[in-house]
Amino acid sequence: MPRYCTLEYLSPTKSDSRILIKVIRVCEQFNYRNHRQELHLILGDENDYKIEASIDQDLISSLGPKFKEGEWNYVKFFNVVNAFGSFRNTINYHFINMNADTVVDKTFQINPKHMMDFMPFDAIIRGNFPTKYSIDLIGVIIYVDDDLSTDIDDPYEMIFGPSHKLDIQIRDMNYNDMDIELIGKTALDFWKKWEDIGTYETVLTLRMFRLTYDSEGRYRIRNAGDHSEILFNPHIKEVSDFLDWLPFTDIHGDPSWP
């Protein structure tokens, strides 16, 4: 097995490091700090440690296709800098900038890790959860703003029109309910899938969502731009546990529920 550095021990002084990573998220965004387009990456390693990375617009055509979500790669020759910002998608003090010398080698290593750290609903509701980093959630759908379908003729209005958000609610196995606000492309992607599935016996995993609290301690959860990801009944153990639990619970408080 080739030697490599784990993400936890990366630092700006280790410019020759070689890492083994899984590509968790890839999305294009505009960097207002540098006034340039970039490809933004969320990477994770076999120890479940995660880090953010970017590819400058001049390198997107050459490096971008080498980073595909779900794949594992060896990566070497990149710059490690200190992370900054009041909100970040990973709990990591560092950030990776890919450069023209970056080498990416695909590996066919099979590793089933989904790299989501599901946060307990009760901790969020109590108001004692840090808001500097994104969170992952899992729960069964108990409410979707179905009235939205009568208000929007063109679903793209979720991104560009006045009705630019979609409210949903999910529940954990302790009967804690969580209100979620979806905006932009995430709202549109959810709505398209929901129109096809449309059943409340659906478990969602929500990756990289943003949590805030108001002055009275009330929480608010919404997607963190296009970085956030929603999956419907993904094939992971935590979802299987939910699906096993559903037939034996009155998820809607309805006596007729089987």
Protein backbone atom coordinates (compact mmCIF):
# COMPACT_ATOMS: atom_id res chain seq x y z
CA MET A 1 0.00 0.00 0.00
CA PRO A 2 1.53 3.35 -1.02
CA ARG A 3 2.24 5.74 1.82
CA TYR A 4 0.06 8.81 2.19
CA CYS A 5 -0.80 11.52 4.71
CA THR A 6 -4.20 11.55 6.41
CA LEU A 7 -6.19 14.77 6.19
CA GLU A 8 -5.96 15.36 9.92
CA TYR A 9 -2.20 15.89 9.69
CA LEU A 10 -2.07 18.11 6.61
CA SER A 11 -0.51 21.50 7.15
CA PRO A 12 0.88 24.39 5.07
CA THR A 13 4.38 23.07 5.77
CA LYS A 14 3.67 19.73 4.08
CA SER A 15 3.52 20.85 0.46
CA ASP A 16 4.73 17.47 -0.83
CA SER A 17 2.00 15.44 0.87
CA ARG A 18 0.16 12.65 -0.88
CA ILE A 19 -3.41 11.98 0.25
CA LEU A 20 -6.01 9.26 -0.29
CA ILE A 21 -9.46 10.84 -0.47
CA LYS A 22 -13.06 10.19 -1.37
CA VAL A 23 -14.78 12.94 -3.35
CA ILE A 24 -17.88 13.77 -1.32
CA ARG A 25 -19.22 16.86 -3.09
CA VAL A 26 -18.37 18.81 -6.25
CA CYS A 27 -20.04 22.08 -7.21
CA GLU A 28 -19.13 25.13 -9.26
CA GLN A 29 -19.30 28.50 -7.54
CA PHE A 30 -18.13 32.08 -7.83
CA ASN A 31 -15.39 33.12 -5.41
CA TYR A 32 -16.25 36.69 -4.47
CA ARG A 33 -12.97 37.08 -2.62
CA ASN A 34 -10.90 36.43 -5.78
CA HIS A 35 -13.61 37.42 -8.29
CA ARG A 36 -13.15 34.16 -10.15
CA GLN A 37 -15.16 31.04 -10.90
CA GLU A 38 -13.96 27.87 -9.17
CA LEU A 39 -14.82 24.25 -8.60
CA HIS A 40 -15.44 23.64 -4.91
CA LEU A 41 -14.75 20.19 -3.45
CA ILE A 42 -15.51 18.42 -0.20
CA LEU A 43 -13.04 15.58 0.36
CA GLY A 44 -12.92 12.89 3.04
CA ASP A 45 -10.48 10.16 4.06
CA GLU A 46 -10.82 6.68 5.53
CA ASN A 47 -10.76 8.14 9.05
CA ASP A 48 -13.90 10.21 8.28
CA TYR A 49 -11.85 13.41 8.42
CA LYS A 50 -13.00 15.99 5.86
CA ILE A 51 -11.53 19.05 4.18
CA GLU A 52 -12.63 21.64 1.63
CA ALA A 53 -10.69 22.24 -1.57
CA SER A 54 -10.92 24.35 -4.70
CA ILE A 55 -9.87 24.29 -8.35
CA ASP A 56 -9.36 27.66 -10.04
CA GLN A 57 -11.31 28.40 -13.22
CA ASP A 58 -8.19 28.06 -15.40
CA LEU A 59 -7.76 24.46 -14.21
CA ILE A 60 -11.38 23.29 -14.17
CA SER A 61 -11.22 21.81 -17.67
CA SER A 62 -8.11 19.75 -16.91
CA LEU A 63 -8.58 18.81 -13.24
CA GLY A 64 -12.35 18.98 -12.80
CA PRO A 65 -13.20 15.71 -14.65
CA LYS A 66 -10.77 13.82 -12.40
CA PHE A 67 -12.83 14.56 -9.28
CA LYS A 68 -16.09 12.62 -9.48
CA GLU A 69 -18.42 12.27 -6.51
CA GLY A 70 -18.14 8.92 -4.79
CA GLU A 71 -14.75 8.01 -6.24
CA TRP A 72 -11.49 7.50 -4.34
CA ASN A 73 -8.28 9.12 -5.57
CA TYR A 74 -4.66 9.57 -4.61
CA VAL A 75 -3.80 13.25 -4.91
CA LYS A 76 -0.41 14.93 -4.64
CA PHE A 77 1.20 18.32 -5.34
CA PHE A 78 -1.26 20.87 -3.99
CA ASN A 79 -1.21 23.86 -1.66
CA VAL A 80 -2.48 23.72 1.92
CA VAL A 81 -3.55 27.04 3.46
CA ASN A 82 -5.31 28.08 6.65
CA ALA A 83 -9.09 28.00 6.36
CA PHE A 84 -11.05 31.19 6.94
CA GLY A 85 -14.66 32.37 7.12
CA SER A 86 -17.41 32.54 9.74
CA PHE A 87 -19.08 29.42 8.31
CA ARG A 88 -17.39 26.37 6.84
CA ASN A 89 -18.58 23.03 5.52
CA THR A 90 -15.95 21.02 7.38
CA ILE A 91 -14.44 21.11 10.84
CA ASN A 92 -10.95 21.66 9.57
CA TYR A 93 -8.45 24.44 10.13
CA HIS A 94 -6.99 23.96 6.67
CA PHE A 95 -8.04 24.25 3.04
CA ILE A 96 -6.58 22.74 -0.15
CA ASN A 97 -5.92 24.69 -3.34
CA MET A 98 -5.24 22.48 -6.33
CA ASN A 99 -2.67 23.85 -8.77
CA ALA A 100 -1.21 23.21 -12.22
CA ASP A 101 1.15 20.54 -10.80
CA THR A 102 -1.59 18.57 -9.02
CA VAL A 103 -1.61 14.87 -9.90
CA VAL A 104 -4.78 12.80 -9.45
CA ASP A 105 -4.66 8.99 -9.64
CA LYS A 106 -7.89 7.05 -9.42
CA THR A 107 -7.95 4.03 -7.15
CA PHE A 108 -10.53 1.28 -7.15
CA GLN A 109 -10.38 0.88 -3.39
CA ILE A 110 -13.78 -0.20 -2.09
CA ASN A 111 -14.76 1.69 1.03
CA PRO A 112 -18.45 1.89 2.03
CA LYS A 113 -18.06 4.92 4.30
CA HIS A 114 -20.74 7.53 3.61
CA MET A 115 -18.92 10.12 5.74
CA MET A 116 -22.00 11.71 7.25
CA ASP A 117 -22.11 12.60 10.95
CA PHE A 118 -25.81 12.70 11.80
CA MET A 119 -26.60 15.28 14.46
CA PRO A 120 -29.17 14.50 17.20
CA PHE A 121 -32.33 16.57 16.82
CA ASP A 122 -32.75 17.12 20.54
CA ALA A 123 -29.34 18.81 20.83
CA ILE A 124 -30.28 21.21 18.04
CA ILE A 125 -33.70 21.94 19.55
CA ARG A 126 -32.17 22.66 22.97
CA GLY A 127 -30.07 25.33 21.33
CA ASN A 128 -26.67 24.12 22.48
CA PHE A 129 -25.14 23.22 19.14
CA PRO A 130 -22.29 25.12 17.40
CA THR A 131 -23.28 26.94 14.22
CA LYS A 132 -19.89 27.58 12.64
CA TYR A 133 -19.86 24.34 10.66
CA SER A 134 -22.37 22.50 8.48
CA ILE A 135 -24.39 19.60 9.87
CA ASP A 136 -25.75 16.28 8.58
CA LEU A 137 -29.27 15.07 9.41
CA ILE A 138 -31.40 11.98 8.89
CA GLY A 139 -35.15 11.64 9.30
CA VAL A 140 -38.40 10.46 7.76
CA ILE A 141 -40.48 13.00 5.81
CA ILE A 142 -43.65 14.02 7.65
CA TYR A 143 -44.47 17.25 5.80
CA VAL A 144 -43.82 18.84 2.42
CA ASP A 145 -45.34 22.16 1.37
CA ASP A 146 -47.53 20.55 -1.30
CA ASP A 147 -49.44 23.81 -1.75
CA LEU A 148 -46.38 25.03 -3.59
CA SER A 149 -47.45 23.05 -6.65
CA THR A 150 -50.52 25.27 -7.05
CA ASP A 151 -48.47 28.45 -6.72
CA ILE A 152 -45.69 27.62 -9.19
CA ASP A 153 -46.33 26.88 -12.84
CA ASP A 154 -42.63 26.74 -13.60
CA PRO A 155 -40.55 24.95 -10.90
CA TYR A 156 -37.55 27.08 -11.84
CA GLU A 157 -39.32 29.91 -10.01
CA MET A 158 -37.94 28.22 -6.86
CA ILE A 159 -34.60 29.64 -7.91
CA PHE A 160 -35.49 32.86 -9.70
CA GLY A 161 -39.04 33.75 -8.70
CA PRO A 162 -40.72 35.17 -5.58
CA SER A 163 -41.58 31.70 -4.27
CA HIS A 164 -37.96 30.83 -3.76
CA LYS A 165 -38.15 28.42 -0.83
CA LEU A 166 -39.68 25.08 0.03
CA ASP A 167 -40.53 24.05 3.60
CA ILE A 168 -40.32 20.42 4.67
CA GLN A 169 -40.32 18.64 8.02
CA ILE A 170 -38.57 15.45 9.07
CA ARG A 171 -38.80 13.31 12.22
CA ASP A 172 -36.27 11.17 14.05
CA MET A 173 -36.96 7.89 15.85
CA ASN A 174 -37.39 9.76 19.14
CA TYR A 175 -40.35 11.69 17.66
CA ASN A 176 -38.44 14.96 17.48
CA ASP A 177 -39.50 17.03 14.49
CA MET A 178 -37.20 19.31 12.53
CA ASP A 179 -38.23 22.11 10.16
CA ILE A 180 -36.04 22.43 7.08
CA GLU A 181 -35.99 25.29 4.57
CA LEU A 182 -34.82 24.52 1.04
CA ILE A 183 -33.83 27.27 -1.37
CA GLY A 184 -32.36 27.56 -4.85
CA LYS A 185 -31.21 24.52 -6.79
CA THR A 186 -31.51 22.26 -3.75
CA ALA A 187 -35.22 23.10 -3.50
CA LEU A 188 -35.69 22.46 -7.21
CA ASP A 189 -33.87 19.10 -7.12
CA PHE A 190 -35.90 18.00 -4.09
CA TRP A 191 -39.20 19.00 -5.71
CA LYS A 192 -38.49 17.05 -8.89
CA LYS A 193 -37.74 13.87 -6.90
CA TRP A 194 -40.68 14.42 -4.57
CA GLU A 195 -43.08 14.66 -7.52
CA ASP A 196 -41.90 11.21 -8.62
CA ILE A 197 -41.88 9.58 -5.16
CA GLY A 198 -44.51 11.52 -3.22
CA THR A 199 -44.71 9.17 -0.23
CA TYR A 200 -44.19 9.98 3.42
CA GLU A 201 -42.56 6.60 4.00
CA THR A 202 -39.34 8.16 2.74
CA VAL A 203 -36.16 8.64 4.75
CA LEU A 204 -33.95 11.59 3.87
CA THR A 205 -30.29 12.16 4.55
CA LEU A 206 -29.27 15.81 4.47
CA ARG A 207 -25.57 16.50 4.06
CA MET A 208 -23.92 19.83 4.81
CA PHE A 209 -26.85 21.98 5.94
CA ARG A 210 -26.56 25.26 7.80
CA LEU A 211 -27.86 25.75 11.36
CA THR A 212 -28.46 29.17 12.91
CA TYR A 213 -30.29 30.47 15.97
CA ASP A 214 -32.18 33.73 16.39
CA SER A 215 -32.00 36.03 19.40
CA GLU A 216 -34.65 33.97 21.19
CA GLY A 217 -32.83 30.70 20.65
CA ARG A 218 -35.08 29.36 17.88
CA TYR A 219 -33.24 27.27 15.36
CA ARG A 220 -33.28 27.61 11.58
CA ILE A 221 -31.94 24.97 9.21
CA ARG A 222 -31.51 25.49 5.49
CA ASN A 223 -29.26 24.26 2.74
CA ALA A 224 -25.83 25.88 2.48
CA GLY A 225 -26.10 26.90 -1.16
CA ASP A 226 -25.45 24.18 -3.72
CA HIS A 227 -22.99 22.39 -1.43
CA SER A 228 -25.86 20.68 0.38
CA GLU A 229 -27.10 17.29 -0.73
CA ILE A 230 -30.37 15.45 -0.11
CA LEU A 231 -30.68 11.72 -0.73
CA PHE A 232 -33.93 9.72 -0.75
CA ASN A 233 -33.65 6.32 1.00
CA PRO A 234 -29.93 5.86 0.32
CA HIS A 235 -28.55 2.37 0.89
CA ILE A 236 -26.86 2.87 4.26
CA LYS A 237 -27.40 1.15 7.62
CA GLU A 238 -28.94 4.19 9.32
CA VAL A 239 -31.66 4.41 6.67
CA SER A 240 -32.32 0.66 6.92
CA ASP A 241 -32.88 1.12 10.66
CA PHE A 242 -35.45 3.83 9.92
CA LEU A 243 -37.25 1.70 7.34
CA ASP A 244 -37.41 -1.21 9.82
CA TRP A 245 -38.88 1.17 12.42
CA LEU A 246 -41.55 2.77 10.20
CA PRO A 247 -44.09 -0.09 10.04
CA PHE A 248 -44.29 -0.15 13.83
CA THR A 249 -44.76 3.56 14.47
CA ASP A 250 -47.61 6.05 14.13
CA ILE A 251 -45.47 8.53 12.25
CA HIS A 252 -48.30 11.03 11.57
CA GLY A 253 -50.28 10.61 14.74
CA ASP A 254 -53.01 8.96 12.65
CA PRO A 255 -54.82 6.03 14.32
CA SER A 256 -55.37 4.46 10.90
CA TRP A 257 -51.63 4.30 10.24
CA PRO A 258 -50.71 0.59 9.84
